[in-house]
Amino acid sequence: MHRRPHTDLTWGQQLTLLAVAMLTSKGASGVTGAGFITLAATLAVVPTIPLAGMVLILGIDRFMSECRALTNIIGNGVATVVVSAWEHELDRDKLKRVMRQPASIEAEATA
């Protein structure tokens, strides 16, 4: 039976991980698969954490990357609607038409 390794981190190590994660994650959001590289680089800062466990994460990272991308797209769409409504520039009638029949709006845009 395998045991989960118990890794105690000091406050200093935790704060170091937080600071490095905040710095390394800034450029990773727009690159597919960059989350895993960012995680590996961040965890490499504290030698107490076993990097061998990263192999387990690598197996599911592709699926998780797709989920992160989908969440990002949905968030961008919701933010666009919220900001346009906040700025009083949302055409609610056109929004309703698009939500009911998106193909007709695409035909209008290409014509």
PDB file of N, CA and C in Angstrom:
ATOM      1  N   MET A   1       0.844  -1.174   0.000  1.00  0.00           N
ATOM      2  CA  MET A   1       0.000   0.000   0.000  1.00  0.00           C
ATOM      3  C   MET A   1       0.894   1.242   0.000  1.00  0.00           C
ATOM      4  N   HIS A   2       0.544   2.200  -0.837  1.00  0.00           N
ATOM      5  CA  HIS A   2       1.331   3.420  -0.935  1.00  0.00           C
ATOM      6  C   HIS A   2       0.878   4.423   0.099  1.00  0.00           C
ATOM      7  N   ARG A   3       1.838   5.164   0.599  1.00  0.00           N
ATOM      8  CA  ARG A   3       1.536   6.215   1.564  1.00  0.00           C
ATOM      9  C   ARG A   3       1.703   7.566   0.890  1.00  0.00           C
ATOM     10  N   ARG A   4       0.853   8.470   1.228  1.00  0.00           N
ATOM     11  CA  ARG A   4       0.976   9.836   0.730  1.00  0.00           C
ATOM     12  C   ARG A   4       2.091  10.514   1.498  1.00  0.00           C
ATOM     13  N   PRO A   5       3.070  11.097   0.804  1.00  0.00           N
ATOM     14  CA  PRO A   5       4.159  11.750   1.529  1.00  0.00           C
ATOM     15  C   PRO A   5       3.639  12.986   2.263  1.00  0.00           C
ATOM     16  N   HIS A   6       4.057  13.119   3.487  1.00  0.00           N
ATOM     17  CA  HIS A   6       3.665  14.270   4.297  1.00  0.00           C
ATOM     18  C   HIS A   6       4.749  15.331   4.155  1.00  0.00           C
ATOM     19  N   THR A   7       4.418  16.425   3.512  1.00  0.00           N
ATOM     20  CA  THR A   7       5.388  17.474   3.260  1.00  0.00           C
ATOM     21  C   THR A   7       4.993  18.719   4.037  1.00  0.00           C
ATOM     22  N   ASP A   8       5.770  19.020   5.067  1.00  0.00           N
ATOM     23  CA  ASP A   8       5.526  20.230   5.848  1.00  0.00           C
ATOM     24  C   ASP A   8       6.281  21.388   5.219  1.00  0.00           C
ATOM     25  N   LEU A   9       5.581  22.489   5.035  1.00  0.00           N
ATOM     26  CA  LEU A   9       6.205  23.693   4.496  1.00  0.00           C
ATOM     27  C   LEU A   9       6.179  24.779   5.557  1.00  0.00           C
ATOM     28  N   THR A  10       7.286  25.482   5.674  1.00  0.00           N
ATOM     29  CA  THR A  10       7.344  26.600   6.607  1.00  0.00           C
ATOM     30  C   THR A  10       6.568  27.770   6.014  1.00  0.00           C
ATOM     31  N   TRP A  11       6.309  28.777   6.844  1.00  0.00           N
ATOM     32  CA  TRP A  11       5.623  29.978   6.348  1.00  0.00           C
ATOM     33  C   TRP A  11       6.432  30.637   5.241  1.00  0.00           C
ATOM     34  N   GLY A  12       7.737  30.640   5.396  1.00  0.00           N
ATOM     35  CA  GLY A  12       8.598  31.240   4.377  1.00  0.00           C
ATOM     36  C   GLY A  12       8.491  30.511   3.045  1.00  0.00           C
ATOM     37  N   GLN A  13       8.456  29.181   3.093  1.00  0.00           N
ATOM     38  CA  GLN A  13       8.308  28.408   1.857  1.00  0.00           C
ATOM     39  C   GLN A  13       6.940  28.632   1.216  1.00  0.00           C
ATOM     40  N   GLN A  14       5.913  28.725   2.045  1.00  0.00           N
ATOM     41  CA  GLN A  14       4.574  28.964   1.517  1.00  0.00           C
ATOM     42  C   GLN A  14       4.485  30.332   0.848  1.00  0.00           C
ATOM     43  N   LEU A  15       5.074  31.352   1.491  1.00  0.00           N
ATOM     44  CA  LEU A  15       5.065  32.692   0.906  1.00  0.00           C
ATOM     45  C   LEU A  15       5.911  32.746  -0.364  1.00  0.00           C
ATOM     46  N   THR A  16       7.020  31.999  -0.384  1.00  0.00           N
ATOM     47  CA  THR A  16       7.850  31.930  -1.590  1.00  0.00           C
ATOM     48  C   THR A  16       7.065  31.301  -2.731  1.00  0.00           C
ATOM     49  N   LEU A  17       6.366  30.202  -2.453  1.00  0.00           N
ATOM     50  CA  LEU A  17       5.534  29.565  -3.473  1.00  0.00           C
ATOM     51  C   LEU A  17       4.456  30.512  -3.985  1.00  0.00           C
ATOM     52  N   LEU A  18       3.831  31.255  -3.084  1.00  0.00           N
ATOM     53  CA  LEU A  18       2.794  32.198  -3.474  1.00  0.00           C
ATOM     54  C   LEU A  18       3.365  33.278  -4.389  1.00  0.00           C
ATOM     55  N   ALA A  19       4.499  33.851  -4.008  1.00  0.00           N
ATOM     56  CA  ALA A  19       5.107  34.926  -4.803  1.00  0.00           C
ATOM     57  C   ALA A  19       5.540  34.418  -6.174  1.00  0.00           C
ATOM     58  N   VAL A  20       6.177  33.262  -6.208  1.00  0.00           N
ATOM     59  CA  VAL A  20       6.636  32.715  -7.489  1.00  0.00           C
ATOM     60  C   VAL A  20       5.447  32.331  -8.358  1.00  0.00           C
ATOM     61  N   ALA A  21       4.408  31.761  -7.773  1.00  0.00           N
ATOM     62  CA  ALA A  21       3.217  31.390  -8.542  1.00  0.00           C
ATOM     63  C   ALA A  21       2.547  32.620  -9.138  1.00  0.00           C
ATOM     64  N   MET A  22       2.508  33.697  -8.382  1.00  0.00           N
ATOM     65  CA  MET A  22       1.906  34.924  -8.898  1.00  0.00           C
ATOM     66  C   MET A  22       2.718  35.491 -10.062  1.00  0.00           C
ATOM     67  N   LEU A  23       4.029  35.396  -9.976  1.00  0.00           N
ATOM     68  CA  LEU A  23       4.880  35.912 -11.059  1.00  0.00           C
ATOM     69  C   LEU A  23       4.848  35.013 -12.294  1.00  0.00           C
ATOM     70  N   THR A  24       4.961  33.711 -12.095  1.00  0.00           N
ATOM     71  CA  THR A  24       5.056  32.802 -13.246  1.00  0.00           C
ATOM     72  C   THR A  24       3.723  32.595 -13.948  1.00  0.00           C
ATOM     73  N   SER A  25       2.619  32.817 -13.264  1.00  0.00           N
ATOM     74  CA  SER A  25       1.321  32.569 -13.881  1.00  0.00           C
ATOM     75  C   SER A  25       0.857  33.716 -14.769  1.00  0.00           C
ATOM     76  N   LYS A  26       1.506  34.834 -14.748  1.00  0.00           N
ATOM     77  CA  LYS A  26       1.049  35.998 -15.515  1.00  0.00           C
ATOM     78  C   LYS A  26       1.032  35.749 -17.015  1.00  0.00           C
ATOM     79  N   GLY A  27       2.030  35.104 -17.549  1.00  0.00           N
ATOM     80  CA  GLY A  27       2.075  34.892 -18.983  1.00  0.00           C
ATOM     81  C   GLY A  27       1.527  33.558 -19.434  1.00  0.00           C
ATOM     82  N   ALA A  28       1.056  32.756 -18.524  1.00  0.00           N
ATOM     83  CA  ALA A  28       0.652  31.392 -18.865  1.00  0.00           C
ATOM     84  C   ALA A  28      -0.795  31.277 -19.326  1.00  0.00           C
ATOM     85  N   SER A  29      -1.606  32.265 -19.088  1.00  0.00           N
ATOM     86  CA  SER A  29      -3.035  32.097 -19.370  1.00  0.00           C
ATOM     87  C   SER A  29      -3.346  32.000 -20.853  1.00  0.00           C
ATOM     88  N   GLY A  30      -2.550  32.611 -21.693  1.00  0.00           N
ATOM     89  CA  GLY A  30      -2.844  32.588 -23.121  1.00  0.00           C
ATOM     90  C   GLY A  30      -2.180  31.465 -23.888  1.00  0.00           C
ATOM     91  N   VAL A  31      -1.455  30.601 -23.218  1.00  0.00           N
ATOM     92  CA  VAL A  31      -0.715  29.543 -23.898  1.00  0.00           C
ATOM     93  C   VAL A  31      -1.253  28.184 -23.447  1.00  0.00           C
ATOM     94  N   THR A  32      -1.690  27.386 -24.429  1.00  0.00           N
ATOM     95  CA  THR A  32      -2.207  26.055 -24.104  1.00  0.00           C
ATOM     96  C   THR A  32      -1.099  25.173 -23.547  1.00  0.00           C
ATOM     97  N   GLY A  33      -1.369  24.517 -22.442  1.00  0.00           N
ATOM     98  CA  GLY A  33      -0.391  23.622 -21.825  1.00  0.00           C
ATOM     99  C   GLY A  33       0.623  24.322 -20.946  1.00  0.00           C
ATOM    100  N   ALA A  34       0.559  25.626 -20.857  1.00  0.00           N
ATOM    101  CA  ALA A  34       1.535  26.359 -20.057  1.00  0.00           C
ATOM    102  C   ALA A  34       1.286  26.207 -18.558  1.00  0.00           C
ATOM    103  N   GLY A  35       0.095  25.796 -18.185  1.00  0.00           N
ATOM    104  CA  GLY A  35      -0.212  25.627 -16.764  1.00  0.00           C
ATOM    105  C   GLY A  35       0.675  24.588 -16.108  1.00  0.00           C
ATOM    106  N   PHE A  36       0.922  23.485 -16.804  1.00  0.00           N
ATOM    107  CA  PHE A  36       1.767  22.437 -16.251  1.00  0.00           C
ATOM    108  C   PHE A  36       3.212  22.914 -16.108  1.00  0.00           C
ATOM    109  N   ILE A  37       3.717  23.599 -17.109  1.00  0.00           N
ATOM    110  CA  ILE A  37       5.089  24.120 -17.056  1.00  0.00           C
ATOM    111  C   ILE A  37       5.214  25.147 -15.934  1.00  0.00           C
ATOM    112  N   THR A  38       4.209  25.985 -15.793  1.00  0.00           N
ATOM    113  CA  THR A  38       4.215  26.977 -14.724  1.00  0.00           C
ATOM    114  C   THR A  38       4.203  26.301 -13.357  1.00  0.00           C
ATOM    115  N   LEU A  39       3.382  25.262 -13.211  1.00  0.00           N
ATOM    116  CA  LEU A  39       3.325  24.529 -11.941  1.00  0.00           C
ATOM    117  C   LEU A  39       4.662  23.873 -11.632  1.00  0.00           C
ATOM    118  N   ALA A  40       5.270  23.240 -12.626  1.00  0.00           N
ATOM    119  CA  ALA A  40       6.560  22.578 -12.407  1.00  0.00           C
ATOM    120  C   ALA A  40       7.640  23.595 -12.031  1.00  0.00           C
ATOM    121  N   ALA A  41       7.657  24.729 -12.704  1.00  0.00           N
ATOM    122  CA  ALA A  41       8.650  25.764 -12.397  1.00  0.00           C
ATOM    123  C   ALA A  41       8.439  26.344 -11.003  1.00  0.00           C
ATOM    124  N   THR A  42       7.173  26.506 -10.628  1.00  0.00           N
ATOM    125  CA  THR A  42       6.866  27.059  -9.307  1.00  0.00           C
ATOM    126  C   THR A  42       7.258  26.085  -8.208  1.00  0.00           C
ATOM    127  N   LEU A  43       6.924  24.806  -8.382  1.00  0.00           N
ATOM    128  CA  LEU A  43       7.240  23.819  -7.347  1.00  0.00           C
ATOM    129  C   LEU A  43       8.735  23.532  -7.259  1.00  0.00           C
ATOM    130  N   ALA A  44       9.475  23.782  -8.326  1.00  0.00           N
ATOM    131  CA  ALA A  44      10.922  23.561  -8.303  1.00  0.00           C
ATOM    132  C   ALA A  44      11.640  24.555  -7.395  1.00  0.00           C
ATOM    133  N   VAL A  45      10.967  25.648  -7.047  1.00  0.00           N
ATOM    134  CA  VAL A  45      11.577  26.665  -6.183  1.00  0.00           C
ATOM    135  C   VAL A  45      11.793  26.136  -4.778  1.00  0.00           C
ATOM    136  N   VAL A  46      10.880  25.285  -4.315  1.00  0.00           N
ATOM    137  CA  VAL A  46      10.974  24.721  -2.971  1.00  0.00           C
ATOM    138  C   VAL A  46      11.384  23.253  -3.108  1.00  0.00           C
ATOM    139  N   PRO A  47      12.637  22.921  -2.776  1.00  0.00           N
ATOM    140  CA  PRO A  47      13.108  21.549  -2.973  1.00  0.00           C
ATOM    141  C   PRO A  47      12.448  20.516  -2.051  1.00  0.00           C
ATOM    142  N   THR A  48      11.695  20.957  -1.067  1.00  0.00           N
ATOM    143  CA  THR A  48      11.017  20.048  -0.148  1.00  0.00           C
ATOM    144  C   THR A  48       9.912  19.261  -0.852  1.00  0.00           C
ATOM    145  N   ILE A  49       9.304  19.863  -1.859  1.00  0.00           N
ATOM    146  CA  ILE A  49       8.188  19.231  -2.564  1.00  0.00           C
ATOM    147  C   ILE A  49       8.735  18.243  -3.590  1.00  0.00           C
ATOM    148  N   PRO A  50       8.298  16.975  -3.536  1.00  0.00           N
ATOM    149  CA  PRO A  50       8.793  15.979  -4.503  1.00  0.00           C
ATOM    150  C   PRO A  50       8.215  16.216  -5.895  1.00  0.00           C
ATOM    151  N   LEU A  51       9.090  16.436  -6.862  1.00  0.00           N
ATOM    152  CA  LEU A  51       8.642  16.680  -8.227  1.00  0.00           C
ATOM    153  C   LEU A  51       8.222  15.399  -8.941  1.00  0.00           C
ATOM    154  N   ALA A  52       8.509  14.243  -8.349  1.00  0.00           N
ATOM    155  CA  ALA A  52       8.108  12.975  -8.963  1.00  0.00           C
ATOM    156  C   ALA A  52       6.586  12.878  -9.082  1.00  0.00           C
ATOM    157  N   GLY A  53       5.867  13.545  -8.219  1.00  0.00           N
ATOM    158  CA  GLY A  53       4.410  13.547  -8.281  1.00  0.00           C
ATOM    159  C   GLY A  53       3.871  14.281  -9.496  1.00  0.00           C
ATOM    160  N   MET A  54       4.721  15.071 -10.158  1.00  0.00           N
ATOM    161  CA  MET A  54       4.288  15.801 -11.346  1.00  0.00           C
ATOM    162  C   MET A  54       3.922  14.845 -12.482  1.00  0.00           C
ATOM    163  N   VAL A  55       4.496  13.659 -12.484  1.00  0.00           N
ATOM    164  CA  VAL A  55       4.188  12.675 -13.528  1.00  0.00           C
ATOM    165  C   VAL A  55       2.711  12.303 -13.481  1.00  0.00           C
ATOM    166  N   LEU A  56       2.164  12.220 -12.286  1.00  0.00           N
ATOM    167  CA  LEU A  56       0.743  11.909 -12.146  1.00  0.00           C
ATOM    168  C   LEU A  56      -0.121  13.021 -12.718  1.00  0.00           C
ATOM    169  N   ILE A  57       0.292  14.247 -12.496  1.00  0.00           N
ATOM    170  CA  ILE A  57      -0.470  15.387 -12.998  1.00  0.00           C
ATOM    171  C   ILE A  57      -0.350  15.489 -14.516  1.00  0.00           C
ATOM    172  N   LEU A  58       0.805  15.131 -15.062  1.00  0.00           N
ATOM    173  CA  LEU A  58       1.022  15.213 -16.501  1.00  0.00           C
ATOM    174  C   LEU A  58       0.007  14.376 -17.278  1.00  0.00           C
ATOM    175  N   GLY A  59      -0.421  13.263 -16.704  1.00  0.00           N
ATOM    176  CA  GLY A  59      -1.376  12.390 -17.373  1.00  0.00           C
ATOM    177  C   GLY A  59      -2.736  13.021 -17.597  1.00  0.00           C
ATOM    178  N   ILE A  60      -3.162  13.894 -16.716  1.00  0.00           N
ATOM    179  CA  ILE A  60      -4.474  14.505 -16.852  1.00  0.00           C
ATOM    180  C   ILE A  60      -4.406  15.970 -17.262  1.00  0.00           C
ATOM    181  N   ASP A  61      -3.199  16.486 -17.472  1.00  0.00           N
ATOM    182  CA  ASP A  61      -3.064  17.910 -17.765  1.00  0.00           C
ATOM    183  C   ASP A  61      -3.708  18.292 -19.090  1.00  0.00           C
ATOM    184  N   ARG A  62      -3.650  17.441 -20.078  1.00  0.00           N
ATOM    185  CA  ARG A  62      -4.250  17.760 -21.379  1.00  0.00           C
ATOM    186  C   ARG A  62      -5.746  17.985 -21.225  1.00  0.00           C
ATOM    187  N   PHE A  63      -6.406  17.084 -20.497  1.00  0.00           N
ATOM    188  CA  PHE A  63      -7.842  17.232 -20.244  1.00  0.00           C
ATOM    189  C   PHE A  63      -8.128  18.493 -19.441  1.00  0.00           C
ATOM    190  N   MET A  64      -7.335  18.731 -18.414  1.00  0.00           N
ATOM    191  CA  MET A  64      -7.530  19.914 -17.579  1.00  0.00           C
ATOM    192  C   MET A  64      -7.281  21.199 -18.370  1.00  0.00           C
ATOM    193  N   SER A  65      -6.332  21.169 -19.292  1.00  0.00           N
ATOM    194  CA  SER A  65      -6.053  22.335 -20.125  1.00  0.00           C
ATOM    195  C   SER A  65      -7.266  22.681 -20.984  1.00  0.00           C
ATOM    196  N   GLU A  66      -7.919  21.658 -21.522  1.00  0.00           N
ATOM    197  CA  GLU A  66      -9.129  21.884 -22.308  1.00  0.00           C
ATOM    198  C   GLU A  66     -10.234  22.489 -21.433  1.00  0.00           C
ATOM    199  N   CYS A  67     -10.358  22.007 -20.215  1.00  0.00           N
ATOM    200  CA  CYS A  67     -11.365  22.545 -19.289  1.00  0.00           C
ATOM    201  C   CYS A  67     -11.069  23.995 -18.936  1.00  0.00           C
ATOM    202  N   ARG A  68      -9.792  24.310 -18.713  1.00  0.00           N
ATOM    203  CA  ARG A  68      -9.414  25.697 -18.415  1.00  0.00           C
ATOM    204  C   ARG A  68      -9.716  26.611 -19.601  1.00  0.00           C
ATOM    205  N   ALA A  69      -9.448  26.137 -20.813  1.00  0.00           N
ATOM    206  CA  ALA A  69      -9.727  26.942 -22.006  1.00  0.00           C
ATOM    207  C   ALA A  69     -11.229  27.188 -22.158  1.00  0.00           C
ATOM    208  N   LEU A  70     -12.034  26.161 -21.934  1.00  0.00           N
ATOM    209  CA  LEU A  70     -13.484  26.299 -22.025  1.00  0.00           C
ATOM    210  C   LEU A  70     -14.005  27.289 -20.984  1.00  0.00           C
ATOM    211  N   THR A  71     -13.503  27.195 -19.769  1.00  0.00           N
ATOM    212  CA  THR A  71     -13.896  28.125 -18.716  1.00  0.00           C
ATOM    213  C   THR A  71     -13.504  29.552 -19.080  1.00  0.00           C
ATOM    214  N   ASN A  72     -12.328  29.715 -19.675  1.00  0.00           N
ATOM    215  CA  ASN A  72     -11.860  31.035 -20.077  1.00  0.00           C
ATOM    216  C   ASN A  72     -12.757  31.627 -21.159  1.00  0.00           C
ATOM    217  N   ILE A  73     -13.154  30.821 -22.139  1.00  0.00           N
ATOM    218  CA  ILE A  73     -14.022  31.302 -23.215  1.00  0.00           C
ATOM    219  C   ILE A  73     -15.385  31.721 -22.671  1.00  0.00           C
ATOM    220  N   ILE A  74     -15.950  30.902 -21.798  1.00  0.00           N
ATOM    221  CA  ILE A  74     -17.248  31.232 -21.207  1.00  0.00           C
ATOM    222  C   ILE A  74     -17.147  32.517 -20.382  1.00  0.00           C
ATOM    223  N   GLY A  75     -16.084  32.650 -19.609  1.00  0.00           N
ATOM    224  CA  GLY A  75     -15.883  33.854 -18.808  1.00  0.00           C
ATOM    225  C   GLY A  75     -15.753  35.097 -19.667  1.00  0.00           C
ATOM    226  N   ASN A  76     -15.046  34.979 -20.788  1.00  0.00           N
ATOM    227  CA  ASN A  76     -14.906  36.125 -21.691  1.00  0.00           C
ATOM    228  C   ASN A  76     -16.247  36.526 -22.285  1.00  0.00           C
ATOM    229  N   GLY A  77     -17.064  35.541 -22.646  1.00  0.00           N
ATOM    230  CA  GLY A  77     -18.386  35.846 -23.198  1.00  0.00           C
ATOM    231  C   GLY A  77     -19.292  36.515 -22.181  1.00  0.00           C
ATOM    232  N   VAL A  78     -19.301  36.007 -20.969  1.00  0.00           N
ATOM    233  CA  VAL A  78     -20.129  36.596 -19.916  1.00  0.00           C
ATOM    234  C   VAL A  78     -19.645  38.012 -19.588  1.00  0.00           C
ATOM    235  N   ALA A  79     -18.330  38.190 -19.507  1.00  0.00           N
ATOM    236  CA  ALA A  79     -17.786  39.521 -19.208  1.00  0.00           C
ATOM    237  C   ALA A  79     -18.149  40.515 -20.299  1.00  0.00           C
ATOM    238  N   THR A  80     -18.149  40.080 -21.555  1.00  0.00           N
ATOM    239  CA  THR A  80     -18.513  40.972 -22.657  1.00  0.00           C
ATOM    240  C   THR A  80     -19.946  41.450 -22.523  1.00  0.00           C
ATOM    241  N   VAL A  81     -20.857  40.542 -22.209  1.00  0.00           N
ATOM    242  CA  VAL A  81     -22.259  40.918 -22.044  1.00  0.00           C
ATOM    243  C   VAL A  81     -22.434  41.836 -20.838  1.00  0.00           C
ATOM    244  N   VAL A  82     -21.772  41.523 -19.736  1.00  0.00           N
ATOM    245  CA  VAL A  82     -21.911  42.327 -18.514  1.00  0.00           C
ATOM    246  C   VAL A  82     -21.377  43.745 -18.738  1.00  0.00           C
ATOM    247  N   VAL A  83     -20.207  43.867 -19.353  1.00  0.00           N
ATOM    248  CA  VAL A  83     -19.622  45.195 -19.565  1.00  0.00           C
ATOM    249  C   VAL A  83     -20.467  46.008 -20.542  1.00  0.00           C
ATOM    250  N   SER A  84     -20.949  45.362 -21.618  1.00  0.00           N
ATOM    251  CA  SER A  84     -21.779  46.114 -22.571  1.00  0.00           C
ATOM    252  C   SER A  84     -23.094  46.553 -21.932  1.00  0.00           C
ATOM    253  N   ALA A  85     -23.665  45.735 -21.060  1.00  0.00           N
ATOM    254  CA  ALA A  85     -24.882  46.151 -20.348  1.00  0.00           C
ATOM    255  C   ALA A  85     -24.581  47.278 -19.378  1.00  0.00           C
ATOM    256  N   TRP A  86     -23.447  47.205 -18.715  1.00  0.00           N
ATOM    257  CA  TRP A  86     -23.048  48.234 -17.761  1.00  0.00           C
ATOM    258  C   TRP A  86     -22.817  49.571 -18.461  1.00  0.00           C
ATOM    259  N   GLU A  87     -22.277  49.507 -19.660  1.00  0.00           N
ATOM    260  CA  GLU A  87     -22.010  50.721 -20.425  1.00  0.00           C
ATOM    261  C   GLU A  87     -23.223  51.178 -21.240  1.00  0.00           C
ATOM    262  N   HIS A  88     -24.355  50.504 -21.065  1.00  0.00           N
ATOM    263  CA  HIS A  88     -25.611  50.811 -21.760  1.00  0.00           C
ATOM    264  C   HIS A  88     -25.457  50.743 -23.273  1.00  0.00           C
ATOM    265  N   GLU A  89     -24.681  49.784 -23.745  1.00  0.00           N
ATOM    266  CA  GLU A  89     -24.502  49.597 -25.179  1.00  0.00           C
ATOM    267  C   GLU A  89     -24.960  48.218 -25.635  1.00  0.00           C
ATOM    268  N   LEU A  90     -25.651  47.509 -24.784  1.00  0.00           N
ATOM    269  CA  LEU A  90     -26.134  46.173 -25.117  1.00  0.00           C
ATOM    270  C   LEU A  90     -27.456  46.281 -25.866  1.00  0.00           C
ATOM    271  N   ASP A  91     -27.487  45.761 -27.069  1.00  0.00           N
ATOM    272  CA  ASP A  91     -28.717  45.705 -27.867  1.00  0.00           C
ATOM    273  C   ASP A  91     -29.433  44.407 -27.489  1.00  0.00           C
ATOM    274  N   ARG A  92     -30.351  44.522 -26.552  1.00  0.00           N
ATOM    275  CA  ARG A  92     -31.018  43.342 -26.015  1.00  0.00           C
ATOM    276  C   ARG A  92     -31.862  42.609 -27.067  1.00  0.00           C
ATOM    277  N   ASP A  93     -32.482  43.357 -27.988  1.00  0.00           N
ATOM    278  CA  ASP A  93     -33.275  42.704 -29.041  1.00  0.00           C
ATOM    279  C   ASP A  93     -32.376  41.860 -29.942  1.00  0.00           C
ATOM    280  N   LYS A  94     -31.229  42.399 -30.326  1.00  0.00           N
ATOM    281  CA  LYS A  94     -30.302  41.644 -31.173  1.00  0.00           C
ATOM    282  C   LYS A  94     -29.734  40.443 -30.414  1.00  0.00           C
ATOM    283  N   LEU A  95     -29.470  40.630 -29.116  1.00  0.00           N
ATOM    284  CA  LEU A  95     -28.973  39.526 -28.298  1.00  0.00           C
ATOM    285  C   LEU A  95     -29.987  38.385 -28.263  1.00  0.00           C
ATOM    286  N   LYS A  96     -31.263  38.719 -28.102  1.00  0.00           N
ATOM    287  CA  LYS A  96     -32.314  37.689 -28.076  1.00  0.00           C
ATOM    288  C   LYS A  96     -32.408  36.980 -29.421  1.00  0.00           C
ATOM    289  N   ARG A  97     -32.315  37.750 -30.530  1.00  0.00           N
ATOM    290  CA  ARG A  97     -32.362  37.130 -31.858  1.00  0.00           C
ATOM    291  C   ARG A  97     -31.188  36.180 -32.071  1.00  0.00           C
ATOM    292  N   VAL A  98     -30.009  36.608 -31.658  1.00  0.00           N
ATOM    293  CA  VAL A  98     -28.811  35.775 -31.830  1.00  0.00           C
ATOM    294  C   VAL A  98     -28.924  34.505 -31.005  1.00  0.00           C
ATOM    295  N   MET A  99     -29.426  34.624 -29.787  1.00  0.00           N
ATOM    296  CA  MET A  99     -29.547  33.446 -28.932  1.00  0.00           C
ATOM    297  C   MET A  99     -30.588  32.465 -29.475  1.00  0.00           C
ATOM    298  N   ARG A 100     -31.593  32.973 -30.182  1.00  0.00           N
ATOM    299  CA  ARG A 100     -32.616  32.091 -30.745  1.00  0.00           C
ATOM    300  C   ARG A 100     -32.168  31.461 -32.060  1.00  0.00           C
ATOM    301  N   GLN A 101     -31.529  32.251 -32.941  1.00  0.00           N
ATOM    302  CA  GLN A 101     -31.130  31.761 -34.265  1.00  0.00           C
ATOM    303  C   GLN A 101     -29.749  32.325 -34.628  1.00  0.00           C
ATOM    304  N   PRO A 102     -28.689  31.751 -34.112  1.00  0.00           N
ATOM    305  CA  PRO A 102     -27.352  32.293 -34.397  1.00  0.00           C
ATOM    306  C   PRO A 102     -26.955  32.191 -35.867  1.00  0.00           C
ATOM    307  N   ALA A 103     -27.489  31.239 -36.607  1.00  0.00           N
ATOM    308  CA  ALA A 103     -27.113  31.073 -38.016  1.00  0.00           C
ATOM    309  C   ALA A 103     -27.571  32.262 -38.856  1.00  0.00           C
ATOM    310  N   SER A 104     -28.719  32.847 -38.546  1.00  0.00           N
ATOM    311  CA  SER A 104     -29.214  33.979 -39.326  1.00  0.00           C
ATOM    312  C   SER A 104     -28.336  35.209 -39.130  1.00  0.00           C
ATOM    313  N   ILE A 105     -27.803  35.395 -37.950  1.00  0.00           N
ATOM    314  CA  ILE A 105     -26.922  36.530 -37.677  1.00  0.00           C
ATOM    315  C   ILE A 105     -25.592  36.335 -38.406  1.00  0.00           C
ATOM    316  N   GLU A 106     -25.103  35.102 -38.456  1.00  0.00           N
ATOM    317  CA  GLU A 106     -23.856  34.828 -39.176  1.00  0.00           C
ATOM    318  C   GLU A 106     -24.025  35.125 -40.657  1.00  0.00           C
ATOM    319  N   ALA A 107     -25.197  34.816 -41.212  1.00  0.00           N
ATOM    320  CA  ALA A 107     -25.462  35.102 -42.621  1.00  0.00           C
ATOM    321  C   ALA A 107     -25.500  36.601 -42.868  1.00  0.00           C
ATOM    322  N   GLU A 108     -26.074  37.370 -41.928  1.00  0.00           N
ATOM    323  CA  GLU A 108     -26.107  38.829 -42.048  1.00  0.00           C
ATOM    324  C   GLU A 108     -24.692  39.407 -42.015  1.00  0.00           C
ATOM    325  N   ALA A 109     -23.839  38.846 -41.162  1.00  0.00           N
ATOM    326  CA  ALA A 109     -22.484  39.366 -41.007  1.00  0.00           C
ATOM    327  C   ALA A 109     -21.636  39.123 -42.247  1.00  0.00           C
ATOM    328  N   THR A 110     -21.855  38.000 -42.931  1.00  0.00           N
ATOM    329  CA  THR A 110     -21.053  37.698 -44.116  1.00  0.00           C
ATOM    330  C   THR A 110     -21.582  38.380 -45.360  1.00  0.00           C
ATOM    331  N   ALA A 111     -22.845  38.822 -45.340  1.00  0.00           N
ATOM    332  CA  ALA A 111     -23.433  39.465 -46.527  1.00  0.00           C
ATOM    333  C   ALA A 111     -22.989  40.901 -46.683  1.00  0.00           C
TER     334      ALA A 111
END
